[in-house]
Amino acid sequence: MTEKLEILKKRIIYRASYRGTKEMDILLSSFVKKYIEILNHEQLFELEKFLKFEDEIIINYYNLDVTNQDIEKNKISKIFKQFKL
């Protein structure tokens, strides 16, 4: 189980760090680095789902309070919304 969890964490770190735009790379990789070691197994899977949202949806949610029904269902989105660089 521990090995699978470590693979999941590496996958999350990679996905957060290589988004396509430098701004999103910085924002999401900083968020992941801060929380990845304190999230439980379920929360890590939620984080992985969260990172599958398009950059535009995530940045609009973070900066402009544009809500998306799917992003609101994700438990990690609330933690992310409160995150400050």
PDB file of N, CA and C in Angstrom:
ATOM      1  N   MET A   1       0.822  -1.198   0.000  1.00  0.00           N
ATOM      2  CA  MET A   1       0.000   0.000   0.000  1.00  0.00           C
ATOM      3  C   MET A   1       0.865   1.262   0.000  1.00  0.00           C
ATOM      4  N   THR A   2       1.926   1.252   0.763  1.00  0.00           N
ATOM      5  CA  THR A   2       2.793   2.419   0.862  1.00  0.00           C
ATOM      6  C   THR A   2       3.430   2.744  -0.478  1.00  0.00           C
ATOM      7  N   GLU A   3       3.815   1.722  -1.229  1.00  0.00           N
ATOM      8  CA  GLU A   3       4.423   1.943  -2.537  1.00  0.00           C
ATOM      9  C   GLU A   3       3.416   2.579  -3.501  1.00  0.00           C
ATOM     10  N   LYS A   4       2.173   2.111  -3.476  1.00  0.00           N
ATOM     11  CA  LYS A   4       1.135   2.697  -4.331  1.00  0.00           C
ATOM     12  C   LYS A   4       0.865   4.149  -3.945  1.00  0.00           C
ATOM     13  N   LEU A   5       0.908   4.424  -2.662  1.00  0.00           N
ATOM     14  CA  LEU A   5       0.691   5.785  -2.181  1.00  0.00           C
ATOM     15  C   LEU A   5       1.817   6.708  -2.643  1.00  0.00           C
ATOM     16  N   GLU A   6       3.028   6.231  -2.610  1.00  0.00           N
ATOM     17  CA  GLU A   6       4.173   7.028  -3.070  1.00  0.00           C
ATOM     18  C   GLU A   6       4.094   7.287  -4.574  1.00  0.00           C
ATOM     19  N   ILE A   7       3.650   6.306  -5.330  1.00  0.00           N
ATOM     20  CA  ILE A   7       3.468   6.491  -6.773  1.00  0.00           C
ATOM     21  C   ILE A   7       2.393   7.535  -7.034  1.00  0.00           C
ATOM     22  N   LEU A   8       1.300   7.487  -6.280  1.00  0.00           N
ATOM     23  CA  LEU A   8       0.240   8.475  -6.402  1.00  0.00           C
ATOM     24  C   LEU A   8       0.772   9.873  -6.101  1.00  0.00           C
ATOM     25  N   LYS A   9       1.550  10.012  -5.043  1.00  0.00           N
ATOM     26  CA  LYS A   9       2.110  11.307  -4.681  1.00  0.00           C
ATOM     27  C   LYS A   9       3.024  11.836  -5.786  1.00  0.00           C
ATOM     28  N   LYS A  10       3.849  10.979  -6.356  1.00  0.00           N
ATOM     29  CA  LYS A  10       4.740  11.396  -7.438  1.00  0.00           C
ATOM     30  C   LYS A  10       3.948  11.836  -8.661  1.00  0.00           C
ATOM     31  N   ARG A  11       2.879  11.123  -8.950  1.00  0.00           N
ATOM     32  CA  ARG A  11       2.022  11.481 -10.073  1.00  0.00           C
ATOM     33  C   ARG A  11       1.365  12.848  -9.845  1.00  0.00           C
ATOM     34  N   ILE A  12       0.929  13.099  -8.630  1.00  0.00           N
ATOM     35  CA  ILE A  12       0.313  14.374  -8.268  1.00  0.00           C
ATOM     36  C   ILE A  12       1.331  15.505  -8.381  1.00  0.00           C
ATOM     37  N   ILE A  13       2.509  15.301  -7.859  1.00  0.00           N
ATOM     38  CA  ILE A  13       3.558  16.324  -7.918  1.00  0.00           C
ATOM     39  C   ILE A  13       3.888  16.651  -9.368  1.00  0.00           C
ATOM     40  N   TYR A  14       4.017  15.631 -10.186  1.00  0.00           N
ATOM     41  CA  TYR A  14       4.322  15.859 -11.602  1.00  0.00           C
ATOM     42  C   TYR A  14       3.207  16.645 -12.279  1.00  0.00           C
ATOM     43  N   ARG A  15       1.974  16.229 -12.051  1.00  0.00           N
ATOM     44  CA  ARG A  15       0.819  16.886 -12.703  1.00  0.00           C
ATOM     45  C   ARG A  15       0.682  18.341 -12.263  1.00  0.00           C
ATOM     46  N   ALA A  16       0.997  18.626 -11.012  1.00  0.00           N
ATOM     47  CA  ALA A  16       0.914  19.991 -10.502  1.00  0.00           C
ATOM     48  C   ALA A  16       2.050  20.867 -11.025  1.00  0.00           C
ATOM     49  N   SER A  17       3.170  20.267 -11.337  1.00  0.00           N
ATOM     50  CA  SER A  17       4.362  21.021 -11.719  1.00  0.00           C
ATOM     51  C   SER A  17       4.480  21.290 -13.209  1.00  0.00           C
ATOM     52  N   TYR A  18       3.787  20.517 -14.023  1.00  0.00           N
ATOM     53  CA  TYR A  18       3.906  20.648 -15.476  1.00  0.00           C
ATOM     54  C   TYR A  18       2.528  20.834 -16.107  1.00  0.00           C
ATOM     55  N   ARG A  19       1.967  22.013 -15.891  1.00  0.00           N
ATOM     56  CA  ARG A  19       0.619  22.316 -16.366  1.00  0.00           C
ATOM     57  C   ARG A  19       0.582  22.884 -17.772  1.00  0.00           C
ATOM     58  N   GLY A  20       1.613  23.590 -18.146  1.00  0.00           N
ATOM     59  CA  GLY A  20       1.628  24.215 -19.454  1.00  0.00           C
ATOM     60  C   GLY A  20       1.854  25.703 -19.382  1.00  0.00           C
ATOM     61  N   THR A  21       1.477  26.310 -18.260  1.00  0.00           N
ATOM     62  CA  THR A  21       1.778  27.727 -18.053  1.00  0.00           C
ATOM     63  C   THR A  21       2.572  27.855 -16.761  1.00  0.00           C
ATOM     64  N   LYS A  22       3.520  28.758 -16.778  1.00  0.00           N
ATOM     65  CA  LYS A  22       4.391  28.933 -15.613  1.00  0.00           C
ATOM     66  C   LYS A  22       3.603  29.350 -14.373  1.00  0.00           C
ATOM     67  N   GLU A  23       2.602  30.194 -14.563  1.00  0.00           N
ATOM     68  CA  GLU A  23       1.804  30.659 -13.430  1.00  0.00           C
ATOM     69  C   GLU A  23       1.097  29.499 -12.719  1.00  0.00           C
ATOM     70  N   MET A  24       0.493  28.628 -13.520  1.00  0.00           N
ATOM     71  CA  MET A  24      -0.207  27.478 -12.925  1.00  0.00           C
ATOM     72  C   MET A  24       0.782  26.483 -12.328  1.00  0.00           C
ATOM     73  N   ASP A  25       1.939  26.324 -12.974  1.00  0.00           N
ATOM     74  CA  ASP A  25       2.978  25.455 -12.416  1.00  0.00           C
ATOM     75  C   ASP A  25       3.356  25.933 -11.011  1.00  0.00           C
ATOM     76  N   ILE A  26       3.568  27.221 -10.870  1.00  0.00           N
ATOM     77  CA  ILE A  26       3.980  27.788  -9.580  1.00  0.00           C
ATOM     78  C   ILE A  26       2.865  27.659  -8.545  1.00  0.00           C
ATOM     79  N   LEU A  27       1.663  28.047  -8.915  1.00  0.00           N
ATOM     80  CA  LEU A  27       0.537  28.010  -7.982  1.00  0.00           C
ATOM     81  C   LEU A  27       0.240  26.589  -7.507  1.00  0.00           C
ATOM     82  N   LEU A  28       0.061  25.688  -8.448  1.00  0.00           N
ATOM     83  CA  LEU A  28      -0.333  24.326  -8.070  1.00  0.00           C
ATOM     84  C   LEU A  28       0.800  23.538  -7.430  1.00  0.00           C
ATOM     85  N   SER A  29       2.025  23.725  -7.907  1.00  0.00           N
ATOM     86  CA  SER A  29       3.124  22.976  -7.284  1.00  0.00           C
ATOM     87  C   SER A  29       3.374  23.465  -5.856  1.00  0.00           C
ATOM     88  N   SER A  30       3.203  24.763  -5.614  1.00  0.00           N
ATOM     89  CA  SER A  30       3.342  25.292  -4.247  1.00  0.00           C
ATOM     90  C   SER A  30       2.258  24.727  -3.332  1.00  0.00           C
ATOM     91  N   PHE A  31       1.046  24.680  -3.843  1.00  0.00           N
ATOM     92  CA  PHE A  31      -0.065  24.112  -3.069  1.00  0.00           C
ATOM     93  C   PHE A  31       0.198  22.644  -2.736  1.00  0.00           C
ATOM     94  N   VAL A  32       0.590  21.883  -3.738  1.00  0.00           N
ATOM     95  CA  VAL A  32       0.839  20.447  -3.545  1.00  0.00           C
ATOM     96  C   VAL A  32       1.986  20.227  -2.566  1.00  0.00           C
ATOM     97  N   LYS A  33       3.068  20.963  -2.708  1.00  0.00           N
ATOM     98  CA  LYS A  33       4.217  20.807  -1.802  1.00  0.00           C
ATOM     99  C   LYS A  33       3.823  21.079  -0.354  1.00  0.00           C
ATOM    100  N   LYS A  34       2.944  22.037  -0.158  1.00  0.00           N
ATOM    101  CA  LYS A  34       2.531  22.378   1.206  1.00  0.00           C
ATOM    102  C   LYS A  34       1.665  21.287   1.838  1.00  0.00           C
ATOM    103  N   TYR A  35       0.801  20.668   1.055  1.00  0.00           N
ATOM    104  CA  TYR A  35      -0.209  19.776   1.630  1.00  0.00           C
ATOM    105  C   TYR A  35      -0.013  18.276   1.383  1.00  0.00           C
ATOM    106  N   ILE A  36       0.828  17.888   0.472  1.00  0.00           N
ATOM    107  CA  ILE A  36       0.854  16.483   0.052  1.00  0.00           C
ATOM    108  C   ILE A  36       1.187  15.510   1.189  1.00  0.00           C
ATOM    109  N   GLU A  37       1.996  15.917   2.111  1.00  0.00           N
ATOM    110  CA  GLU A  37       2.385  15.006   3.194  1.00  0.00           C
ATOM    111  C   GLU A  37       1.361  14.945   4.326  1.00  0.00           C
ATOM    112  N   ILE A  38       0.412  15.861   4.354  1.00  0.00           N
ATOM    113  CA  ILE A  38      -0.567  15.837   5.446  1.00  0.00           C
ATOM    114  C   ILE A  38      -1.948  15.352   5.002  1.00  0.00           C
ATOM    115  N   LEU A  39      -2.120  15.169   3.694  1.00  0.00           N
ATOM    116  CA  LEU A  39      -3.403  14.676   3.190  1.00  0.00           C
ATOM    117  C   LEU A  39      -3.499  13.171   3.379  1.00  0.00           C
ATOM    118  N   ASN A  40      -4.690  12.713   3.691  1.00  0.00           N
ATOM    119  CA  ASN A  40      -4.891  11.270   3.814  1.00  0.00           C
ATOM    120  C   ASN A  40      -5.122  10.658   2.427  1.00  0.00           C
ATOM    121  N   HIS A  41      -5.268   9.370   2.385  1.00  0.00           N
ATOM    122  CA  HIS A  41      -5.400   8.630   1.129  1.00  0.00           C
ATOM    123  C   HIS A  41      -6.567   9.134   0.286  1.00  0.00           C
ATOM    124  N   GLU A  42      -7.717   9.309   0.908  1.00  0.00           N
ATOM    125  CA  GLU A  42      -8.914   9.796   0.201  1.00  0.00           C
ATOM    126  C   GLU A  42      -8.684  11.203  -0.356  1.00  0.00           C
ATOM    127  N   GLN A  43      -8.077  12.051   0.449  1.00  0.00           N
ATOM    128  CA  GLN A  43      -7.814  13.417   0.017  1.00  0.00           C
ATOM    129  C   GLN A  43      -6.816  13.458  -1.140  1.00  0.00           C
ATOM    130  N   LEU A  44      -5.862  12.543  -1.150  1.00  0.00           N
ATOM    131  CA  LEU A  44      -4.911  12.480  -2.260  1.00  0.00           C
ATOM    132  C   LEU A  44      -5.619  12.128  -3.564  1.00  0.00           C
ATOM    133  N   PHE A  45      -6.574  11.219  -3.497  1.00  0.00           N
ATOM    134  CA  PHE A  45      -7.349  10.898  -4.694  1.00  0.00           C
ATOM    135  C   PHE A  45      -8.200  12.097  -5.135  1.00  0.00           C
ATOM    136  N   GLU A  46      -8.733  12.844  -4.184  1.00  0.00           N
ATOM    137  CA  GLU A  46      -9.479  14.059  -4.514  1.00  0.00           C
ATOM    138  C   GLU A  46      -8.557  15.102  -5.153  1.00  0.00           C
ATOM    139  N   LEU A  47      -7.337  15.194  -4.642  1.00  0.00           N
ATOM    140  CA  LEU A  47      -6.363  16.122  -5.217  1.00  0.00           C
ATOM    141  C   LEU A  47      -6.027  15.719  -6.647  1.00  0.00           C
ATOM    142  N   GLU A  48      -5.875  14.439  -6.880  1.00  0.00           N
ATOM    143  CA  GLU A  48      -5.607  13.971  -8.238  1.00  0.00           C
ATOM    144  C   GLU A  48      -6.764  14.338  -9.175  1.00  0.00           C
ATOM    145  N   LYS A  49      -7.987  14.168  -8.715  1.00  0.00           N
ATOM    146  CA  LYS A  49      -9.158  14.566  -9.518  1.00  0.00           C
ATOM    147  C   LYS A  49      -9.168  16.072  -9.754  1.00  0.00           C
ATOM    148  N   PHE A  50      -8.839  16.828  -8.729  1.00  0.00           N
ATOM    149  CA  PHE A  50      -8.805  18.282  -8.829  1.00  0.00           C
ATOM    150  C   PHE A  50      -7.821  18.729  -9.908  1.00  0.00           C
ATOM    151  N   LEU A  51      -6.688  18.087  -9.968  1.00  0.00           N
ATOM    152  CA  LEU A  51      -5.658  18.461 -10.942  1.00  0.00           C
ATOM    153  C   LEU A  51      -6.047  18.106 -12.375  1.00  0.00           C
ATOM    154  N   LYS A  52      -7.105  17.346 -12.552  1.00  0.00           N
ATOM    155  CA  LYS A  52      -7.575  17.021 -13.899  1.00  0.00           C
ATOM    156  C   LYS A  52      -8.442  18.129 -14.491  1.00  0.00           C
ATOM    157  N   PHE A  53      -8.874  19.076 -13.660  1.00  0.00           N
ATOM    158  CA  PHE A  53      -9.630  20.210 -14.183  1.00  0.00           C
ATOM    159  C   PHE A  53      -8.720  21.049 -15.064  1.00  0.00           C
ATOM    160  N   GLU A  54      -9.307  21.690 -16.054  1.00  0.00           N
ATOM    161  CA  GLU A  54      -8.535  22.559 -16.933  1.00  0.00           C
ATOM    162  C   GLU A  54      -8.015  23.752 -16.142  1.00  0.00           C
ATOM    163  N   ASP A  55      -6.880  24.279 -16.585  1.00  0.00           N
ATOM    164  CA  ASP A  55      -6.270  25.422 -15.906  1.00  0.00           C
ATOM    165  C   ASP A  55      -7.227  26.598 -15.792  1.00  0.00           C
ATOM    166  N   GLU A  56      -7.984  26.857 -16.829  1.00  0.00           N
ATOM    167  CA  GLU A  56      -8.913  27.985 -16.834  1.00  0.00           C
ATOM    168  C   GLU A  56      -9.957  27.849 -15.725  1.00  0.00           C
ATOM    169  N   ILE A  57     -10.463  26.658 -15.519  1.00  0.00           N
ATOM    170  CA  ILE A  57     -11.454  26.434 -14.466  1.00  0.00           C
ATOM    171  C   ILE A  57     -10.827  26.662 -13.096  1.00  0.00           C
ATOM    172  N   ILE A  58      -9.629  26.141 -12.902  1.00  0.00           N
ATOM    173  CA  ILE A  58      -8.954  26.278 -11.607  1.00  0.00           C
ATOM    174  C   ILE A  58      -8.611  27.733 -11.319  1.00  0.00           C
ATOM    175  N   ILE A  59      -8.033  28.426 -12.284  1.00  0.00           N
ATOM    176  CA  ILE A  59      -7.615  29.810 -12.037  1.00  0.00           C
ATOM    177  C   ILE A  59      -8.810  30.737 -11.863  1.00  0.00           C
ATOM    178  N   ASN A  60      -9.882  30.497 -12.595  1.00  0.00           N
ATOM    179  CA  ASN A  60     -11.092  31.302 -12.409  1.00  0.00           C
ATOM    180  C   ASN A  60     -11.712  31.065 -11.041  1.00  0.00           C
ATOM    181  N   TYR A  61     -11.664  29.844 -10.574  1.00  0.00           N
ATOM    182  CA  TYR A  61     -12.168  29.515  -9.243  1.00  0.00           C
ATOM    183  C   TYR A  61     -11.311  30.196  -8.173  1.00  0.00           C
ATOM    184  N   TYR A  62     -10.015  30.151  -8.363  1.00  0.00           N
ATOM    185  CA  TYR A  62      -9.081  30.697  -7.369  1.00  0.00           C
ATOM    186  C   TYR A  62      -9.095  32.224  -7.340  1.00  0.00           C
ATOM    187  N   ASN A  63      -9.004  32.843  -8.490  1.00  0.00           N
ATOM    188  CA  ASN A  63      -8.859  34.300  -8.562  1.00  0.00           C
ATOM    189  C   ASN A  63     -10.178  35.061  -8.642  1.00  0.00           C
ATOM    190  N   LEU A  64     -11.120  34.543  -9.390  1.00  0.00           N
ATOM    191  CA  LEU A  64     -12.312  35.312  -9.718  1.00  0.00           C
ATOM    192  C   LEU A  64     -13.585  34.827  -9.037  1.00  0.00           C
ATOM    193  N   ASP A  65     -13.490  33.795  -8.234  1.00  0.00           N
ATOM    194  CA  ASP A  65     -14.662  33.217  -7.565  1.00  0.00           C
ATOM    195  C   ASP A  65     -15.706  32.703  -8.550  1.00  0.00           C
ATOM    196  N   VAL A  66     -15.260  32.338  -9.743  1.00  0.00           N
ATOM    197  CA  VAL A  66     -16.173  31.742 -10.717  1.00  0.00           C
ATOM    198  C   VAL A  66     -16.336  30.283 -10.310  1.00  0.00           C
ATOM    199  N   THR A  67     -17.514  29.938  -9.894  1.00  0.00           N
ATOM    200  CA  THR A  67     -17.736  28.580  -9.420  1.00  0.00           C
ATOM    201  C   THR A  67     -18.165  27.672 -10.557  1.00  0.00           C
ATOM    202  N   ASN A  68     -17.783  26.460 -10.413  1.00  0.00           N
ATOM    203  CA  ASN A  68     -18.101  25.399 -11.356  1.00  0.00           C
ATOM    204  C   ASN A  68     -18.668  24.273 -10.510  1.00  0.00           C
ATOM    205  N   GLN A  69     -19.787  23.756 -10.901  1.00  0.00           N
ATOM    206  CA  GLN A  69     -20.460  22.741 -10.085  1.00  0.00           C
ATOM    207  C   GLN A  69     -19.540  21.561  -9.782  1.00  0.00           C
ATOM    208  N   ASP A  70     -18.778  21.117 -10.756  1.00  0.00           N
ATOM    209  CA  ASP A  70     -17.895  19.971 -10.544  1.00  0.00           C
ATOM    210  C   ASP A  70     -16.762  20.291  -9.581  1.00  0.00           C
ATOM    211  N   ILE A  71     -16.189  21.480  -9.696  1.00  0.00           N
ATOM    212  CA  ILE A  71     -15.080  21.840  -8.808  1.00  0.00           C
ATOM    213  C   ILE A  71     -15.572  22.028  -7.377  1.00  0.00           C
ATOM    214  N   GLU A  72     -16.780  22.481  -7.211  1.00  0.00           N
ATOM    215  CA  GLU A  72     -17.351  22.651  -5.874  1.00  0.00           C
ATOM    216  C   GLU A  72     -17.563  21.312  -5.163  1.00  0.00           C
ATOM    217  N   LYS A  73     -17.764  20.263  -5.916  1.00  0.00           N
ATOM    218  CA  LYS A  73     -17.974  18.937  -5.327  1.00  0.00           C
ATOM    219  C   LYS A  73     -16.674  18.337  -4.797  1.00  0.00           C
ATOM    220  N   ASN A  74     -15.559  18.859  -5.248  1.00  0.00           N
ATOM    221  CA  ASN A  74     -14.262  18.321  -4.859  1.00  0.00           C
ATOM    222  C   ASN A  74     -13.865  18.890  -3.496  1.00  0.00           C
ATOM    223  N   LYS A  75     -13.511  18.017  -2.570  1.00  0.00           N
ATOM    224  CA  LYS A  75     -13.190  18.432  -1.203  1.00  0.00           C
ATOM    225  C   LYS A  75     -11.907  19.255  -1.137  1.00  0.00           C
ATOM    226  N   ILE A  76     -11.001  19.020  -2.029  1.00  0.00           N
ATOM    227  CA  ILE A  76      -9.728  19.729  -2.045  1.00  0.00           C
ATOM    228  C   ILE A  76      -9.907  21.182  -2.482  1.00  0.00           C
ATOM    229  N   SER A  77     -10.916  21.453  -3.272  1.00  0.00           N
ATOM    230  CA  SER A  77     -11.110  22.811  -3.794  1.00  0.00           C
ATOM    231  C   SER A  77     -11.265  23.836  -2.671  1.00  0.00           C
ATOM    232  N   LYS A  78     -11.870  23.459  -1.574  1.00  0.00           N
ATOM    233  CA  LYS A  78     -12.040  24.387  -0.455  1.00  0.00           C
ATOM    234  C   LYS A  78     -10.700  24.726   0.193  1.00  0.00           C
ATOM    235  N   ILE A  79      -9.848  23.722   0.314  1.00  0.00           N
ATOM    236  CA  ILE A  79      -8.503  23.948   0.859  1.00  0.00           C
ATOM    237  C   ILE A  79      -7.711  24.833  -0.096  1.00  0.00           C
ATOM    238  N   PHE A  80      -7.823  24.548  -1.377  1.00  0.00           N
ATOM    239  CA  PHE A  80      -7.114  25.305  -2.403  1.00  0.00           C
ATOM    240  C   PHE A  80      -7.560  26.764  -2.417  1.00  0.00           C
ATOM    241  N   LYS A  81      -8.829  27.000  -2.280  1.00  0.00           N
ATOM    242  CA  LYS A  81      -9.377  28.354  -2.307  1.00  0.00           C
ATOM    243  C   LYS A  81      -8.781  29.214  -1.195  1.00  0.00           C
ATOM    244  N   GLN A  82      -8.460  28.622  -0.063  1.00  0.00           N
ATOM    245  CA  GLN A  82      -7.900  29.346   1.078  1.00  0.00           C
ATOM    246  C   GLN A  82      -6.387  29.469   1.006  1.00  0.00           C
ATOM    247  N   PHE A  83      -5.757  28.748   0.101  1.00  0.00           N
ATOM    248  CA  PHE A  83      -4.302  28.746  -0.038  1.00  0.00           C
ATOM    249  C   PHE A  83      -3.805  30.090  -0.565  1.00  0.00           C
ATOM    250  N   LYS A  84      -2.747  30.588   0.038  1.00  0.00           N
ATOM    251  CA  LYS A  84      -2.108  31.827  -0.407  1.00  0.00           C
ATOM    252  C   LYS A  84      -0.627  31.558  -0.641  1.00  0.00           C
ATOM    253  N   LEU A  85      -0.137  32.113  -1.736  1.00  0.00           N
ATOM    254  CA  LEU A  85       1.295  31.988  -2.048  1.00  0.00           C
ATOM    255  C   LEU A  85       2.130  32.845  -1.125  1.00  0.00           C
TER     256      LEU A  85
END
